[in-house]
Amino acid sequence: MSVREHMTLILRRLQLDPLLAFSALFEVSEGVQKMVAYFLALLELAREGLVRFSQQEAYSPIYLQAVEVF
């Protein structure tokens, strides 16, 4: 699957769960290539301003949420 397809999967998942833990996207059993594709997709979504990352304090969980587009 392409990075663009992973971007679509992430956005669809955020429709179901508006506040998603960063770690929930990655499963070791899926392999390194898939993890890299998800990570690149997240970076691209952030660059395009479609997702926002948040973290309360150092070493706490990282969450992402879709940015509302008007």
Foldseek 3Di string as FASTA:
>chain_A
DALVVLLVVVQVVCVVPQKAWPCVCDDVVVDDVSVVSNVVNVVVCVVVVQKDWDDPDPPGIIIMGGDDDD
